Amino acid sequence: GARGYTGAELVRLLEAHPRFHLAFAS
């Protein structure tokens, strides 16, 4: 659900997170 408004916020948060790695986005 990366395309929605919440998905976009999650992408930005995960991208900047020091431990999490965005492995895939659907």
PDB file of all heavy atoms in Angstrom:
ATOM      1  N   GLY A   1       0.818  -1.208   0.000  1.00  0.00           N
ATOM      2  CA  GLY A   1       0.000   0.000   0.000  1.00  0.00           C
ATOM      3  C   GLY A   1       0.849   1.255   0.000  1.00  0.00           C
ATOM      4  O   GLY A   1       0.529   2.237   0.674  1.00  0.00           O
ATOM      5  N   ALA A   2       1.919   1.229  -0.768  1.00  0.00           N
ATOM      6  CA  ALA A   2       2.878   2.338  -0.754  1.00  0.00           C
ATOM      7  C   ALA A   2       2.355   3.587  -1.461  1.00  0.00           C
ATOM      8  O   ALA A   2       2.892   4.675  -1.266  1.00  0.00           O
ATOM      9  CB  ALA A   2       4.189   1.899  -1.405  1.00  0.00           C
ATOM     10  N   ARG A   3       1.312   3.446  -2.263  1.00  0.00           N
ATOM     11  CA  ARG A   3       0.846   4.546  -3.090  1.00  0.00           C
ATOM     12  C   ARG A   3      -0.039   5.547  -2.332  1.00  0.00           C
ATOM     13  O   ARG A   3      -0.169   6.699  -2.713  1.00  0.00           O
ATOM     14  CB  ARG A   3       0.062   3.972  -4.279  1.00  0.00           C
ATOM     15  CG  ARG A   3      -0.570   4.992  -5.217  1.00  0.00           C
ATOM     16  CD  ARG A   3       0.486   5.769  -5.983  1.00  0.00           C
ATOM     17  NE  ARG A   3      -0.118   6.635  -6.982  1.00  0.00           N
ATOM     18  CZ  ARG A   3      -0.674   7.819  -6.727  1.00  0.00           C
ATOM     19  NH1 ARG A   3      -0.699   8.268  -5.492  1.00  0.00           N
ATOM     20  NH2 ARG A   3      -1.202   8.539  -7.693  1.00  0.00           N
ATOM     21  N   GLY A   4      -0.646   5.112  -1.219  1.00  0.00           N
ATOM     22  CA  GLY A   4      -1.574   5.973  -0.499  1.00  0.00           C
ATOM     23  C   GLY A   4      -0.884   7.040   0.323  1.00  0.00           C
ATOM     24  O   GLY A   4       0.349   7.078   0.444  1.00  0.00           O
ATOM     25  N   TYR A   5      -1.672   7.929   0.916  1.00  0.00           N
ATOM     26  CA  TYR A   5      -1.113   9.015   1.714  1.00  0.00           C
ATOM     27  C   TYR A   5      -0.320   8.478   2.910  1.00  0.00           C
ATOM     28  O   TYR A   5       0.781   8.941   3.191  1.00  0.00           O
ATOM     29  CB  TYR A   5      -2.236   9.928   2.227  1.00  0.00           C
ATOM     30  CG  TYR A   5      -2.987  10.669   1.155  1.00  0.00           C
ATOM     31  CD1 TYR A   5      -4.388  10.711   1.157  1.00  0.00           C
ATOM     32  CD2 TYR A   5      -2.326  11.348   0.141  1.00  0.00           C
ATOM     33  CE1 TYR A   5      -5.089  11.404   0.190  1.00  0.00           C
ATOM     34  CE2 TYR A   5      -3.018  12.038  -0.843  1.00  0.00           C
ATOM     35  CZ  TYR A   5      -4.406  12.062  -0.810  1.00  0.00           C
ATOM     36  OH  TYR A   5      -5.098  12.745  -1.781  1.00  0.00           O
ATOM     37  N   THR A   6      -0.885   7.493   3.607  1.00  0.00           N
ATOM     38  CA  THR A   6      -0.172   6.917   4.744  1.00  0.00           C
ATOM     39  C   THR A   6       1.051   6.144   4.272  1.00  0.00           C
ATOM     40  O   THR A   6       2.115   6.193   4.912  1.00  0.00           O
ATOM     41  CB  THR A   6      -1.100   5.989   5.550  1.00  0.00           C
ATOM     42  OG1 THR A   6      -2.181   6.763   6.082  1.00  0.00           O
ATOM     43  CG2 THR A   6      -0.357   5.328   6.688  1.00  0.00           C
ATOM     44  N   GLY A   7       0.916   5.431   3.162  1.00  0.00           N
ATOM     45  CA  GLY A   7       2.063   4.708   2.612  1.00  0.00           C
ATOM     46  C   GLY A   7       3.229   5.621   2.326  1.00  0.00           C
ATOM     47  O   GLY A   7       4.386   5.287   2.611  1.00  0.00           O
ATOM     48  N   ALA A   8       2.950   6.796   1.772  1.00  0.00           N
ATOM     49  CA  ALA A   8       4.019   7.752   1.474  1.00  0.00           C
ATOM     50  C   ALA A   8       4.709   8.225   2.755  1.00  0.00           C
ATOM     51  O   ALA A   8       5.942   8.381   2.787  1.00  0.00           O
ATOM     52  CB  ALA A   8       3.453   8.942   0.707  1.00  0.00           C
ATOM     53  N   GLU A   9       3.927   8.454   3.816  1.00  0.00           N
ATOM     54  CA  GLU A   9       4.536   8.844   5.094  1.00  0.00           C
ATOM     55  C   GLU A   9       5.418   7.720   5.629  1.00  0.00           C
ATOM     56  O   GLU A   9       6.510   7.968   6.160  1.00  0.00           O
ATOM     57  CB  GLU A   9       3.455   9.195   6.114  1.00  0.00           C
ATOM     58  CG  GLU A   9       2.584  10.383   5.747  1.00  0.00           C
ATOM     59  CD  GLU A   9       3.326  11.709   5.769  1.00  0.00           C
ATOM     60  OE1 GLU A   9       4.476  11.753   6.263  1.00  0.00           O
ATOM     61  OE2 GLU A   9       2.756  12.706   5.286  1.00  0.00           O
ATOM     62  N   LEU A  10       4.960   6.485   5.498  1.00  0.00           N
ATOM     63  CA  LEU A  10       5.753   5.347   5.966  1.00  0.00           C
ATOM     64  C   LEU A  10       7.047   5.212   5.180  1.00  0.00           C
ATOM     65  O   LEU A  10       8.098   4.896   5.748  1.00  0.00           O
ATOM     66  CB  LEU A  10       4.925   4.063   5.852  1.00  0.00           C
ATOM     67  CG  LEU A  10       3.879   3.871   6.950  1.00  0.00           C
ATOM     68  CD1 LEU A  10       2.854   2.830   6.535  1.00  0.00           C
ATOM     69  CD2 LEU A  10       4.554   3.468   8.253  1.00  0.00           C
ATOM     70  N   VAL A  11       6.979   5.436   3.890  1.00  0.00           N
ATOM     71  CA  VAL A  11       8.200   5.368   3.070  1.00  0.00           C
ATOM     72  C   VAL A  11       9.236   6.348   3.590  1.00  0.00           C
ATOM     73  O   VAL A  11      10.413   6.008   3.777  1.00  0.00           O
ATOM     74  CB  VAL A  11       7.878   5.652   1.589  1.00  0.00           C
ATOM     75  CG1 VAL A  11       9.168   5.876   0.792  1.00  0.00           C
ATOM     76  CG2 VAL A  11       7.090   4.500   0.984  1.00  0.00           C
ATOM     77  N   ARG A  12       8.819   7.580   3.850  1.00  0.00           N
ATOM     78  CA  ARG A  12       9.764   8.595   4.326  1.00  0.00           C
ATOM     79  C   ARG A  12      10.320   8.227   5.701  1.00  0.00           C
ATOM     80  O   ARG A  12      11.518   8.399   5.963  1.00  0.00           O
ATOM     81  CB  ARG A  12       9.081   9.960   4.345  1.00  0.00           C
ATOM     82  CG  ARG A  12       8.843  10.533   2.945  1.00  0.00           C
ATOM     83  CD  ARG A  12       8.304  11.944   3.001  1.00  0.00           C
ATOM     84  NE  ARG A  12       6.885  11.982   3.284  1.00  0.00           N
ATOM     85  CZ  ARG A  12       5.929  11.995   2.356  1.00  0.00           C
ATOM     86  NH1 ARG A  12       6.246  11.966   1.071  1.00  0.00           N
ATOM     87  NH2 ARG A  12       4.647  12.050   2.702  1.00  0.00           N
ATOM     88  N   LEU A  13       9.472   7.723   6.581  1.00  0.00           N
ATOM     89  CA  LEU A  13       9.942   7.349   7.916  1.00  0.00           C
ATOM     90  C   LEU A  13      10.886   6.149   7.866  1.00  0.00           C
ATOM     91  O   LEU A  13      11.924   6.131   8.546  1.00  0.00           O
ATOM     92  CB  LEU A  13       8.748   7.030   8.820  1.00  0.00           C
ATOM     93  CG  LEU A  13       7.910   8.225   9.284  1.00  0.00           C
ATOM     94  CD1 LEU A  13       6.646   7.749   9.990  1.00  0.00           C
ATOM     95  CD2 LEU A  13       8.719   9.126  10.210  1.00  0.00           C
ATOM     96  N   LEU A  14      10.548   5.156   7.083  1.00  0.00           N
ATOM     97  CA  LEU A  14      11.386   3.959   6.998  1.00  0.00           C
ATOM     98  C   LEU A  14      12.717   4.267   6.311  1.00  0.00           C
ATOM     99  O   LEU A  14      13.762   3.730   6.685  1.00  0.00           O
ATOM    100  CB  LEU A  14      10.650   2.855   6.246  1.00  0.00           C
ATOM    101  CG  LEU A  14       9.444   2.250   6.977  1.00  0.00           C
ATOM    102  CD1 LEU A  14       8.645   1.357   6.028  1.00  0.00           C
ATOM    103  CD2 LEU A  14       9.894   1.455   8.195  1.00  0.00           C
ATOM    104  N   GLU A  15      12.674   5.133   5.308  1.00  0.00           N
ATOM    105  CA  GLU A  15      13.891   5.495   4.579  1.00  0.00           C
ATOM    106  C   GLU A  15      14.911   6.171   5.507  1.00  0.00           C
ATOM    107  O   GLU A  15      16.122   5.965   5.374  1.00  0.00           O
ATOM    108  CB  GLU A  15      13.526   6.431   3.429  1.00  0.00           C
ATOM    109  CG  GLU A  15      14.683   6.767   2.511  1.00  0.00           C
ATOM    110  CD  GLU A  15      14.238   7.657   1.364  1.00  0.00           C
ATOM    111  OE1 GLU A  15      13.750   8.776   1.626  1.00  0.00           O
ATOM    112  OE2 GLU A  15      14.361   7.221   0.211  1.00  0.00           O
ATOM    113  N   ALA A  16      14.408   6.955   6.465  1.00  0.00           N
ATOM    114  CA  ALA A  16      15.301   7.692   7.362  1.00  0.00           C
ATOM    115  C   ALA A  16      15.625   6.923   8.637  1.00  0.00           C
ATOM    116  O   ALA A  16      16.436   7.383   9.433  1.00  0.00           O
ATOM    117  CB  ALA A  16      14.650   9.032   7.727  1.00  0.00           C
ATOM    118  N   HIS A  17      15.018   5.761   8.830  1.00  0.00           N
ATOM    119  CA  HIS A  17      15.189   5.011  10.069  1.00  0.00           C
ATOM    120  C   HIS A  17      16.587   4.401  10.147  1.00  0.00           C
ATOM    121  O   HIS A  17      17.088   3.848   9.167  1.00  0.00           O
ATOM    122  CB  HIS A  17      14.131   3.904  10.150  1.00  0.00           C
ATOM    123  CG  HIS A  17      13.938   3.334  11.519  1.00  0.00           C
ATOM    124  ND1 HIS A  17      14.804   2.399  12.050  1.00  0.00           N
ATOM    125  CD2 HIS A  17      12.987   3.554  12.461  1.00  0.00           C
ATOM    126  CE1 HIS A  17      14.385   2.071  13.263  1.00  0.00           C
ATOM    127  NE2 HIS A  17      13.284   2.752  13.541  1.00  0.00           N
ATOM    128  N   PRO A  18      17.243   4.476  11.300  1.00  0.00           N
ATOM    129  CA  PRO A  18      18.615   3.965  11.403  1.00  0.00           C
ATOM    130  C   PRO A  18      18.732   2.448  11.417  1.00  0.00           C
ATOM    131  O   PRO A  18      19.825   1.930  11.220  1.00  0.00           O
ATOM    132  CB  PRO A  18      19.112   4.561  12.729  1.00  0.00           C
ATOM    133  CG  PRO A  18      17.884   4.827  13.518  1.00  0.00           C
ATOM    134  CD  PRO A  18      16.826   5.188  12.530  1.00  0.00           C
ATOM    135  N   ARG A  19      17.644   1.724  11.651  1.00  0.00           N
ATOM    136  CA  ARG A  19      17.729   0.265  11.706  1.00  0.00           C
ATOM    137  C   ARG A  19      16.860  -0.439  10.671  1.00  0.00           C
ATOM    138  O   ARG A  19      17.165  -1.557  10.260  1.00  0.00           O
ATOM    139  CB  ARG A  19      17.335  -0.241  13.106  1.00  0.00           C
ATOM    140  CG  ARG A  19      18.336   0.092  14.194  1.00  0.00           C
ATOM    141  CD  ARG A  19      19.671  -0.635  14.012  1.00  0.00           C
ATOM    142  NE  ARG A  19      19.524  -2.073  13.844  1.00  0.00           N
ATOM    143  CZ  ARG A  19      19.333  -2.946  14.819  1.00  0.00           C
ATOM    144  NH1 ARG A  19      19.238  -2.525  16.074  1.00  0.00           N
ATOM    145  NH2 ARG A  19      19.235  -4.229  14.570  1.00  0.00           N
ATOM    146  N   PHE A  20      15.757   0.166  10.263  1.00  0.00           N
ATOM    147  CA  PHE A  20      14.887  -0.490   9.300  1.00  0.00           C
ATOM    148  C   PHE A  20      15.363  -0.244   7.874  1.00  0.00           C
ATOM    149  O   PHE A  20      15.898   0.813   7.553  1.00  0.00           O
ATOM    150  CB  PHE A  20      13.439  -0.014   9.451  1.00  0.00           C
ATOM    151  CG  PHE A  20      12.799  -0.425  10.745  1.00  0.00           C
ATOM    152  CD1 PHE A  20      11.920   0.426  11.399  1.00  0.00           C
ATOM    153  CD2 PHE A  20      13.067  -1.650  11.316  1.00  0.00           C
ATOM    154  CE1 PHE A  20      11.321   0.057  12.591  1.00  0.00           C
ATOM    155  CE2 PHE A  20      12.481  -2.041  12.512  1.00  0.00           C
ATOM    156  CZ  PHE A  20      11.609  -1.186  13.144  1.00  0.00           C
ATOM    157  N   HIS A  21      15.110  -1.237   7.040  1.00  0.00           N
ATOM    158  CA  HIS A  21      15.469  -1.176   5.621  1.00  0.00           C
ATOM    159  C   HIS A  21      14.226  -1.540   4.819  1.00  0.00           C
ATOM    160  O   HIS A  21      13.626  -2.598   5.045  1.00  0.00           O
ATOM    161  CB  HIS A  21      16.604  -2.166   5.337  1.00  0.00           C
ATOM    162  CG  HIS A  21      16.760  -2.527   3.887  1.00  0.00           C
ATOM    163  ND1 HIS A  21      17.242  -1.648   2.960  1.00  0.00           N
ATOM    164  CD2 HIS A  21      16.495  -3.683   3.220  1.00  0.00           C
ATOM    165  CE1 HIS A  21      17.284  -2.251   1.775  1.00  0.00           C
ATOM    166  NE2 HIS A  21      16.823  -3.468   1.911  1.00  0.00           N
ATOM    167  N   LEU A  22      13.800  -0.676   3.928  1.00  0.00           N
ATOM    168  CA  LEU A  22      12.621  -0.950   3.113  1.00  0.00           C
ATOM    169  C   LEU A  22      12.984  -1.988   2.056  1.00  0.00           C
ATOM    170  O   LEU A  22      13.652  -1.690   1.066  1.00  0.00           O
ATOM    171  CB  LEU A  22      12.108   0.337   2.466  1.00  0.00           C
ATOM    172  CG  LEU A  22      10.739   0.269   1.787  1.00  0.00           C
ATOM    173  CD1 LEU A  22       9.669  -0.226   2.759  1.00  0.00           C
ATOM    174  CD2 LEU A  22      10.358   1.626   1.236  1.00  0.00           C
ATOM    175  N   ALA A  23      12.545  -3.224   2.288  1.00  0.00           N
ATOM    176  CA  ALA A  23      12.936  -4.350   1.437  1.00  0.00           C
ATOM    177  C   ALA A  23      12.094  -4.442   0.171  1.00  0.00           C
ATOM    178  O   ALA A  23      12.578  -4.847  -0.883  1.00  0.00           O
ATOM    179  CB  ALA A  23      12.832  -5.653   2.232  1.00  0.00           C
ATOM    180  N   PHE A  24      10.811  -4.092   0.280  1.00  0.00           N
ATOM    181  CA  PHE A  24       9.965  -4.056  -0.914  1.00  0.00           C
ATOM    182  C   PHE A  24       8.793  -3.128  -0.649  1.00  0.00           C
ATOM    183  O   PHE A  24       8.422  -2.861   0.498  1.00  0.00           O
ATOM    184  CB  PHE A  24       9.472  -5.451  -1.319  1.00  0.00           C
ATOM    185  CG  PHE A  24       8.471  -6.083  -0.386  1.00  0.00           C
ATOM    186  CD1 PHE A  24       7.117  -5.763  -0.433  1.00  0.00           C
ATOM    187  CD2 PHE A  24       8.882  -7.024   0.550  1.00  0.00           C
ATOM    188  CE1 PHE A  24       6.196  -6.339   0.420  1.00  0.00           C
ATOM    189  CE2 PHE A  24       7.970  -7.619   1.417  1.00  0.00           C
ATOM    190  CZ  PHE A  24       6.618  -7.269   1.356  1.00  0.00           C
ATOM    191  N   ALA A  25       8.216  -2.626  -1.728  1.00  0.00           N
ATOM    192  CA  ALA A  25       7.035  -1.764  -1.652  1.00  0.00           C
ATOM    193  C   ALA A  25       6.067  -2.205  -2.729  1.00  0.00           C
ATOM    194  O   ALA A  25       6.452  -2.359  -3.893  1.00  0.00           O
ATOM    195  CB  ALA A  25       7.415  -0.299  -1.840  1.00  0.00           C
ATOM    196  N   SER A  26       4.829  -2.430  -2.345  1.00  0.00           N
ATOM    197  CA  SER A  26       3.825  -2.947  -3.272  1.00  0.00           C
ATOM    198  C   SER A  26       2.684  -1.958  -3.447  1.00  0.00           C
ATOM    199  O   SER A  26       2.208  -1.361  -2.485  1.00  0.00           O
ATOM    200  CB  SER A  26       3.279  -4.285  -2.755  1.00  0.00           C
ATOM    201  OG  SER A  26       2.216  -4.744  -3.573  1.00  0.00           O
TER     202      SER A  26
END
